[in-house]
Amino acid sequence: MSTQSEPGQDPTWCTKQPPMQIESVLTCPHCGHQSAETMPTDACQFFYDCKGCGVRLKPRQGDCCVFCSYGSVPCPPIQAGDCCS
């Protein structure tokens, strides 16, 4: 008998979340510079100074943070299904 859970045996199998990603690559919309950054896990980051051109990035309208606007991965609160506040 298997000791690992399988879809038919574990009632929480379909609700388990994939591991949270905390690394994201930010791409500057002004100069195209890319930088791998670690996202805060307990809050949204509203500003980011581009390491290529120095422009201060702000979230686009409708996005909660710079990672949701310019990152390769959305911020941890969005990944968890929560709203940033």
Protein backbone atom coordinates (compact mmCIF):
# COMPACT_ATOMS: atom_id res chain seq x y z
CA MET A 1 0.00 0.00 0.00
CA SER A 2 1.32 3.46 -0.95
CA THR A 3 2.03 5.99 1.79
CA GLN A 4 1.69 8.96 -0.57
CA SER A 5 -1.65 10.66 -1.10
CA GLU A 6 -3.29 10.21 -4.44
CA PRO A 7 -6.11 12.29 -5.93
CA GLY A 8 -8.80 9.76 -5.03
CA GLN A 9 -7.60 9.23 -1.45
CA ASP A 10 -6.89 12.73 -0.11
CA PRO A 11 -9.96 15.01 0.09
CA THR A 12 -7.75 18.13 0.22
CA TRP A 13 -5.64 17.13 -2.80
CA CYS A 14 -7.38 19.47 -5.25
CA THR A 15 -7.24 22.46 -2.89
CA LYS A 16 -3.55 22.34 -2.08
CA GLN A 17 -1.67 25.38 -3.35
CA PRO A 18 1.57 25.10 -5.31
CA PRO A 19 4.62 26.47 -3.48
CA MET A 20 4.73 30.26 -3.32
CA GLN A 21 7.26 31.82 -5.65
CA ILE A 22 9.12 34.74 -4.09
CA GLU A 23 11.58 35.44 -6.91
CA SER A 24 10.46 37.56 -9.85
CA VAL A 25 12.28 39.22 -12.74
CA LEU A 26 11.29 42.88 -13.06
CA THR A 27 11.55 44.34 -16.56
CA CYS A 28 11.74 48.13 -16.86
CA PRO A 29 9.25 49.40 -19.46
CA HIS A 30 11.51 52.40 -20.15
CA CYS A 31 14.90 50.82 -20.85
CA GLY A 32 14.21 47.06 -20.87
CA HIS A 33 16.66 46.34 -18.02
CA GLN A 34 15.83 43.11 -16.19
CA SER A 35 16.62 42.39 -12.57
CA ALA A 36 15.85 39.30 -10.47
CA GLU A 37 14.35 40.43 -7.17
CA THR A 38 12.98 38.80 -4.04
CA MET A 39 9.40 39.87 -3.35
CA PRO A 40 8.17 40.70 0.14
CA THR A 41 5.80 37.96 1.32
CA ASP A 42 3.67 40.08 3.63
CA ALA A 43 3.05 43.24 1.62
CA CYS A 44 2.95 44.73 -1.85
CA GLN A 45 5.82 46.84 -3.16
CA PHE A 46 4.54 50.06 -4.69
CA PHE A 47 7.83 51.58 -5.92
CA TYR A 48 10.97 50.20 -7.51
CA ASP A 49 13.97 52.17 -8.80
CA CYS A 50 15.25 50.64 -12.05
CA LYS A 51 18.88 49.59 -11.73
CA GLY A 52 19.40 50.30 -15.43
CA CYS A 53 18.06 53.81 -15.97
CA GLY A 54 17.04 54.96 -12.49
CA VAL A 55 13.37 55.55 -13.31
CA ARG A 56 11.05 54.96 -10.37
CA LEU A 57 8.48 52.37 -11.39
CA LYS A 58 4.96 52.51 -10.00
CA PRO A 59 2.16 49.96 -10.48
CA ARG A 60 0.03 50.31 -13.59
CA GLN A 61 -3.58 51.28 -13.04
CA GLY A 62 -5.48 48.27 -11.72
CA ASP A 63 -2.36 46.47 -10.43
CA CYS A 64 -1.49 46.35 -6.75
CA CYS A 65 2.30 46.52 -7.02
CA VAL A 66 5.32 46.72 -9.33
CA PHE A 67 5.68 42.92 -9.40
CA CYS A 68 2.14 42.51 -10.73
CA SER A 69 2.81 45.19 -13.36
CA TYR A 70 6.38 44.47 -14.47
CA GLY A 71 7.39 41.14 -12.92
CA SER A 72 7.59 37.64 -14.33
CA VAL A 73 5.61 36.36 -11.31
CA PRO A 74 2.74 38.13 -9.50
CA CYS A 75 3.26 39.15 -5.87
CA PRO A 76 2.77 36.60 -3.05
CA PRO A 77 -0.57 38.02 -1.83
CA ILE A 78 -2.00 37.65 -5.36
CA GLN A 79 -0.52 34.15 -5.69
CA ALA A 80 -2.28 33.26 -2.42
CA GLY A 81 -5.58 34.59 -3.75
CA ASP A 82 -5.63 37.62 -1.47
CA CYS A 83 -5.94 41.26 -2.38
CA CYS A 84 -3.04 43.54 -1.59
CA SER A 85 -3.97 46.31 0.79
